[in-house]
Amino acid sequence: MNTLLASADTFAALADAVMSTKRHVAKITEKVGPSSMPSSLLCYEAPKAQLSRSTSATKTRGSRAAPDLAYTSAKVSEVHHDTEIQTSKSIVPDSSTIAEVLDAIFPPKSTEKNGTLYTQKVSRNPATNLDVIALQDRLDQGLQQRQARETGLCPIRSQLYTEAFDEIIRQTTLSNADRGLMLLRVRNEIRMTIASYQVIYESAIAFGMRSALQHEIHKRQLGQDIDVLETEIASLREQMVALTAQAEHLRSEGAALREQDLAQHTADLEELQRIQDTLLRDLEANLATKK
């Protein structure tokens, strides 16, 4: 029980320290102002002027884009091998080796201004707890200011979290190069996985659009077939009405002719019966006279 109380007091003290640190960072942020905050969450050193180069040579370099994964992996593997050799010789890593690792992970940015080439590398300053909390605050502030979506696909949110993860890799690499290289592998694997999901997503969208288009074309064809069939049904109904009227007329005419034939037959039968009676009477009269 005493151990639990002591742990609770320790956690409470740590929470109070974190809250006080956040308040301190917030005060610093208010004094500095949002305009002076860096545009990228990844910390860089101040640009350094290099020797002037020709315009053609500078254009071939240009601004730093996303580093080639194959080149970066090869360079990082080379630096990691050198780091293992360095670690086997000495427990404390050399600052030059860490700098090479950082340059391999995050290639320096190169820009040209007024004919002078400027190079900007990532910061070599180790991170403190205040820097980590400030990174979190800057991430939240960037998400809020740039109105990033909380759910679904959002390139703004993806960019900010990528920069934050790169800053975590930088901070981790300064304290332990092997951990930084492991985080680099994790980052590259995540990027390849996201790229694969993006390809699948785009393929699914294209398939859905093709299916919707085919369904729309099929729907139009069915609509046209329905119109043709409805026209045929209306024509057949008109023919049915005409044939029904014709059949009714023929039925009435047949009934009239049948009644007329029956009356004529009855009259003929009565006439024949009358003739028969007359002949019988004449025959009887002739027989009586002969006797």
Protein backbone atom coordinates (compact mmCIF):
# COMPACT_ATOMS: atom_id res chain seq x y z
CA MET A 1 0.00 0.00 0.00
CA ASN A 2 2.80 2.38 0.85
CA THR A 3 4.45 1.53 -2.48
CA LEU A 4 1.27 2.41 -4.36
CA LEU A 5 0.97 5.69 -2.50
CA ALA A 6 4.60 6.51 -3.25
CA SER A 7 4.10 5.69 -6.94
CA ALA A 8 0.99 7.86 -7.03
CA ASP A 9 2.87 10.75 -5.45
CA THR A 10 5.71 10.28 -7.98
CA PHE A 11 3.29 10.31 -10.92
CA ALA A 12 1.56 13.39 -9.52
CA ALA A 13 4.89 15.17 -9.17
CA LEU A 14 5.84 14.23 -12.73
CA ALA A 15 2.46 15.45 -14.01
CA ASP A 16 2.91 18.76 -12.21
CA ALA A 17 6.40 19.10 -13.69
CA VAL A 18 5.12 18.40 -17.19
CA MET A 19 2.29 20.91 -16.80
CA SER A 20 4.65 23.59 -15.51
CA THR A 21 7.01 22.87 -18.40
CA LYS A 22 4.15 23.19 -20.90
CA ARG A 23 3.14 26.49 -19.35
CA HIS A 24 6.72 27.69 -19.62
CA VAL A 25 6.89 26.65 -23.28
CA ALA A 26 3.56 28.37 -23.93
CA LYS A 27 4.89 31.59 -22.44
CA ILE A 28 8.00 31.36 -24.60
CA THR A 29 5.85 30.75 -27.66
CA GLU A 30 3.69 33.78 -26.88
CA LYS A 31 6.79 35.95 -26.49
CA VAL A 32 8.37 34.66 -29.67
CA GLY A 33 5.16 34.84 -31.70
CA PRO A 34 3.87 32.51 -34.39
CA SER A 35 5.51 34.48 -37.20
CA SER A 36 8.98 33.62 -35.98
CA MET A 37 8.27 29.92 -35.60
CA PRO A 38 10.06 27.77 -38.18
CA SER A 39 8.01 26.57 -41.11
CA SER A 40 9.27 22.99 -40.71
CA LEU A 41 9.11 20.90 -37.57
CA LEU A 42 12.56 19.49 -38.43
CA CYS A 43 15.19 21.74 -36.87
CA TYR A 44 17.86 23.12 -39.22
CA GLU A 45 20.99 25.14 -38.66
CA ALA A 46 21.43 28.61 -40.07
CA PRO A 47 22.27 28.63 -43.80
CA LYS A 48 25.98 28.79 -44.57
CA ALA A 49 27.36 30.45 -47.68
CA GLN A 50 29.47 28.25 -49.92
CA LEU A 51 31.72 29.08 -52.85
CA SER A 52 29.91 30.59 -55.82
CA ARG A 53 29.11 28.20 -58.63
CA SER A 54 27.88 28.60 -62.15
CA THR A 55 24.18 28.81 -62.75
CA SER A 56 24.08 25.53 -64.63
CA ALA A 57 25.82 23.64 -61.86
CA THR A 58 23.53 25.19 -59.28
CA LYS A 59 20.39 24.30 -61.20
CA THR A 60 21.41 20.67 -61.27
CA ARG A 61 21.32 20.63 -57.52
CA GLY A 62 18.35 22.93 -56.82
CA SER A 63 16.36 22.72 -53.67
CA ARG A 64 16.37 19.53 -51.68
CA ALA A 65 13.56 17.21 -52.64
CA ALA A 66 12.71 13.90 -51.04
CA PRO A 67 15.95 11.86 -50.89
CA ASP A 68 16.23 8.77 -53.03
CA LEU A 69 15.55 5.80 -50.80
CA ALA A 70 18.08 3.59 -52.57
CA TYR A 71 20.87 6.17 -52.33
CA THR A 72 19.96 7.04 -48.75
CA SER A 73 19.83 3.38 -47.72
CA ALA A 74 23.22 2.72 -49.31
CA LYS A 75 24.74 5.78 -47.67
CA VAL A 76 23.16 4.97 -44.32
CA SER A 77 24.38 1.37 -44.56
CA GLU A 78 27.89 2.63 -45.24
CA VAL A 79 27.72 5.06 -42.33
CA HIS A 80 26.14 2.40 -40.12
CA HIS A 81 29.02 0.05 -40.95
CA ASP A 82 31.50 2.79 -40.07
CA THR A 83 29.53 3.41 -36.86
CA GLU A 84 29.76 -0.26 -35.89
CA ILE A 85 33.53 -0.19 -36.44
CA GLN A 86 33.74 3.05 -34.47
CA THR A 87 31.59 1.57 -31.67
CA SER A 88 33.73 -1.54 -31.49
CA LYS A 89 36.74 0.66 -30.92
CA SER A 90 35.15 3.17 -28.57
CA ILE A 91 31.96 3.23 -26.53
CA VAL A 92 31.35 6.94 -27.08
CA PRO A 93 30.48 7.66 -30.77
CA ASP A 94 32.43 10.31 -32.60
CA SER A 95 30.60 13.56 -33.40
CA SER A 96 31.82 13.41 -36.98
CA THR A 97 30.22 9.95 -37.39
CA ILE A 98 26.90 11.24 -36.04
CA ALA A 99 27.13 14.20 -38.39
CA GLU A 100 27.68 11.82 -41.32
CA VAL A 101 24.68 9.77 -40.20
CA LEU A 102 22.52 12.91 -40.01
CA ASP A 103 23.70 14.08 -43.42
CA ALA A 104 22.93 10.65 -44.85
CA ILE A 105 19.46 10.57 -43.32
CA PHE A 106 18.67 14.22 -44.02
CA PRO A 107 20.70 15.54 -46.97
CA PRO A 108 21.51 19.25 -46.66
CA LYS A 109 19.32 21.73 -48.48
CA SER A 110 21.02 23.90 -51.09
CA THR A 111 19.70 27.22 -52.35
CA GLU A 112 21.17 29.99 -54.46
CA LYS A 113 20.70 33.69 -53.82
CA ASN A 114 22.45 36.50 -55.70
CA GLY A 115 24.92 34.06 -57.21
CA THR A 116 25.91 32.61 -53.81
CA LEU A 117 25.20 29.01 -52.90
CA TYR A 118 23.82 28.49 -49.39
CA THR A 119 23.81 25.12 -47.65
CA GLN A 120 21.61 24.33 -44.68
CA LYS A 121 22.06 21.19 -42.60
CA VAL A 122 19.92 19.73 -39.86
CA SER A 123 20.66 20.91 -36.37
CA ARG A 124 23.33 19.11 -34.39
CA ASN A 125 22.05 20.37 -31.04
CA PRO A 126 20.85 17.59 -28.73
CA ALA A 127 17.22 17.74 -27.69
CA THR A 128 15.97 18.25 -24.16
CA ASN A 129 12.62 17.55 -22.54
CA LEU A 130 11.60 21.12 -23.28
CA ASP A 131 12.39 20.59 -26.97
CA VAL A 132 10.22 17.46 -27.07
CA ILE A 133 7.29 19.26 -25.43
CA ALA A 134 7.84 22.24 -27.74
CA LEU A 135 7.76 19.86 -30.73
CA GLN A 136 4.43 18.50 -29.55
CA ASP A 137 3.03 21.99 -29.09
CA ARG A 138 4.28 23.08 -32.52
CA LEU A 139 2.71 19.99 -34.08
CA ASP A 140 -0.66 20.73 -32.44
CA GLN A 141 -0.36 24.39 -33.39
CA GLY A 142 0.45 23.50 -37.01
CA LEU A 143 -2.49 21.11 -37.22
CA GLN A 144 -4.80 23.79 -35.86
CA GLN A 145 -3.48 26.72 -37.89
CA ARG A 146 -3.41 24.83 -41.21
CA GLN A 147 -6.84 23.29 -40.48
CA ALA A 148 -5.78 19.69 -40.97
CA ARG A 149 -8.52 17.08 -41.04
CA GLU A 150 -8.64 14.78 -38.05
CA THR A 151 -9.84 11.76 -40.02
CA GLY A 152 -9.50 10.48 -43.56
CA LEU A 153 -6.80 11.37 -46.05
CA CYS A 154 -5.19 14.74 -45.37
CA PRO A 155 -1.87 15.74 -47.00
CA ILE A 156 -1.38 18.56 -44.48
CA ARG A 157 -1.65 16.21 -41.51
CA SER A 158 0.59 13.68 -43.24
CA GLN A 159 3.25 16.33 -43.92
CA LEU A 160 3.23 17.63 -40.35
CA TYR A 161 3.49 14.17 -38.83
CA THR A 162 6.28 13.29 -41.27
CA GLU A 163 8.24 16.37 -40.22
CA ALA A 164 7.61 15.56 -36.55
CA PHE A 165 8.84 11.99 -37.04
CA ASP A 166 11.93 13.28 -38.87
CA GLU A 167 12.63 15.57 -35.92
CA ILE A 168 12.28 12.60 -33.55
CA ILE A 169 14.75 10.66 -35.72
CA ARG A 170 17.15 13.61 -35.57
CA GLN A 171 16.87 13.87 -31.80
CA THR A 172 17.27 10.11 -31.35
CA THR A 173 20.23 9.94 -33.73
CA LEU A 174 22.11 12.58 -31.72
CA SER A 175 21.77 10.46 -28.59
CA ASN A 176 22.17 7.03 -30.23
CA ALA A 177 23.06 6.58 -33.89
CA ASP A 178 21.88 2.95 -34.02
CA ARG A 179 18.43 3.89 -32.75
CA GLY A 180 18.27 6.67 -35.32
CA LEU A 181 19.12 4.25 -38.11
CA MET A 182 16.49 1.82 -36.85
CA LEU A 183 13.90 4.61 -36.84
CA LEU A 184 15.01 5.48 -40.37
CA ARG A 185 14.25 1.92 -41.47
CA VAL A 186 10.87 2.15 -39.77
CA ARG A 187 10.17 5.46 -41.53
CA ASN A 188 11.14 4.08 -44.94
CA GLU A 189 9.00 0.99 -44.37
CA ILE A 190 6.05 3.17 -43.36
CA ARG A 191 6.51 5.32 -46.46
CA MET A 192 6.63 2.28 -48.73
CA THR A 193 3.54 0.83 -47.03
CA ILE A 194 1.66 4.12 -47.38
CA ALA A 195 2.77 4.39 -51.01
CA SER A 196 1.47 0.85 -51.64
CA TYR A 197 -1.84 1.71 -49.96
CA GLN A 198 -2.02 4.89 -52.03
CA VAL A 199 -1.51 2.91 -55.25
CA ILE A 200 -4.22 0.45 -54.15
CA TYR A 201 -6.50 3.37 -53.24
CA GLU A 202 -5.96 5.07 -56.59
CA SER A 203 -6.51 1.77 -58.41
CA ALA A 204 -9.72 1.23 -56.45
CA ILE A 205 -10.91 4.74 -57.32
CA ALA A 206 -10.11 4.18 -61.00
CA PHE A 207 -11.89 0.82 -60.93
CA GLY A 208 -14.88 2.40 -59.20
CA MET A 209 -15.02 5.19 -61.77
CA ARG A 210 -14.81 2.69 -64.65
CA SER A 211 -17.50 0.54 -63.05
CA ALA A 212 -19.73 3.58 -62.47
CA LEU A 213 -19.23 4.66 -66.09
CA GLN A 214 -20.03 1.17 -67.38
CA HIS A 215 -23.09 1.00 -65.14
CA GLU A 216 -24.22 4.40 -66.41
CA ILE A 217 -23.79 3.29 -70.04
CA HIS A 218 -25.62 0.04 -69.29
CA LYS A 219 -28.34 2.03 -67.51
CA ARG A 220 -28.78 4.26 -70.55
CA GLN A 221 -28.97 1.23 -72.83
CA LEU A 222 -31.57 -0.33 -70.56
CA GLY A 223 -33.50 2.94 -70.59
CA GLN A 224 -33.50 2.97 -74.36
CA ASP A 225 -34.57 -0.69 -74.44
CA ILE A 226 -37.36 0.13 -71.97
CA ASP A 227 -38.58 2.98 -74.19
CA VAL A 228 -38.60 0.70 -77.26
CA LEU A 229 -40.45 -2.03 -75.37
CA GLU A 230 -42.97 0.45 -73.96
CA THR A 231 -43.61 1.71 -77.51
CA GLU A 232 -44.11 -1.86 -78.70
CA ILE A 233 -46.42 -2.55 -75.76
CA ALA A 234 -48.52 0.53 -76.60
CA SER A 235 -48.73 -0.54 -80.26
CA LEU A 236 -49.74 -4.07 -79.29
CA ARG A 237 -52.36 -2.69 -76.91
CA GLU A 238 -53.82 -0.61 -79.74
CA GLN A 239 -53.87 -3.71 -81.97
CA MET A 240 -55.50 -5.67 -79.16
CA VAL A 241 -58.23 -3.03 -78.76
CA ALA A 242 -58.85 -3.01 -82.54
CA LEU A 243 -58.95 -6.80 -82.71
CA THR A 244 -61.27 -6.94 -79.70
CA ALA A 245 -63.67 -4.51 -81.36
CA GLN A 246 -63.49 -6.48 -84.59
CA ALA A 247 -64.17 -9.75 -82.74
CA GLU A 248 -67.14 -8.19 -80.94
CA HIS A 249 -68.52 -6.96 -84.24
CA LEU A 250 -68.10 -10.39 -85.82
CA ARG A 251 -69.72 -12.00 -82.79
CA SER A 252 -72.76 -9.73 -83.05
CA GLU A 253 -73.01 -10.29 -86.80
CA GLY A 254 -72.77 -14.06 -86.29
CA ALA A 255 -75.52 -13.97 -83.68
CA ALA A 256 -77.78 -11.96 -86.02
CA LEU A 257 -77.12 -14.32 -88.92
CA ARG A 258 -77.77 -17.32 -86.71
CA GLU A 259 -81.10 -15.91 -85.54
CA GLN A 260 -82.03 -15.09 -89.16
CA ASP A 261 -81.11 -18.61 -90.33
CA LEU A 262 -83.06 -20.12 -87.43
CA ALA A 263 -86.16 -18.09 -88.31
CA GLN A 264 -85.84 -19.05 -91.96
CA HIS A 265 -85.38 -22.70 -91.03
CA THR A 266 -88.45 -22.58 -88.78
CA ALA A 267 -90.53 -21.01 -91.52
CA ASP A 268 -89.37 -23.59 -94.05
CA LEU A 269 -90.14 -26.38 -91.63
CA GLU A 270 -93.64 -25.07 -91.00
CA GLU A 271 -94.23 -24.74 -94.75
CA LEU A 272 -93.13 -28.29 -95.36
CA GLN A 273 -95.28 -29.51 -92.50
CA ARG A 274 -98.28 -27.70 -93.99
CA ILE A 275 -97.58 -29.23 -97.42
CA GLN A 276 -97.28 -32.64 -95.85
CA ASP A 277 -100.62 -32.29 -94.06
CA THR A 278 -102.29 -31.16 -97.27
CA LEU A 279 -100.92 -34.10 -99.20
CA LEU A 280 -102.06 -36.52 -96.52
CA ARG A 281 -105.56 -35.14 -96.59
CA ASP A 282 -105.70 -35.36 -100.40
CA LEU A 283 -104.42 -38.91 -100.26
CA GLU A 284 -107.03 -39.95 -97.71
CA ALA A 285 -109.74 -38.29 -99.73
CA ASN A 286 -108.73 -40.13 -102.90
CA LEU A 287 -108.66 -43.46 -101.11
CA ALA A 288 -112.11 -42.93 -99.68
CA THR A 289 -113.55 -42.12 -103.11
CA LYS A 290 -112.20 -45.33 -104.68
CA LYS A 291 -113.88 -47.48 -102.08
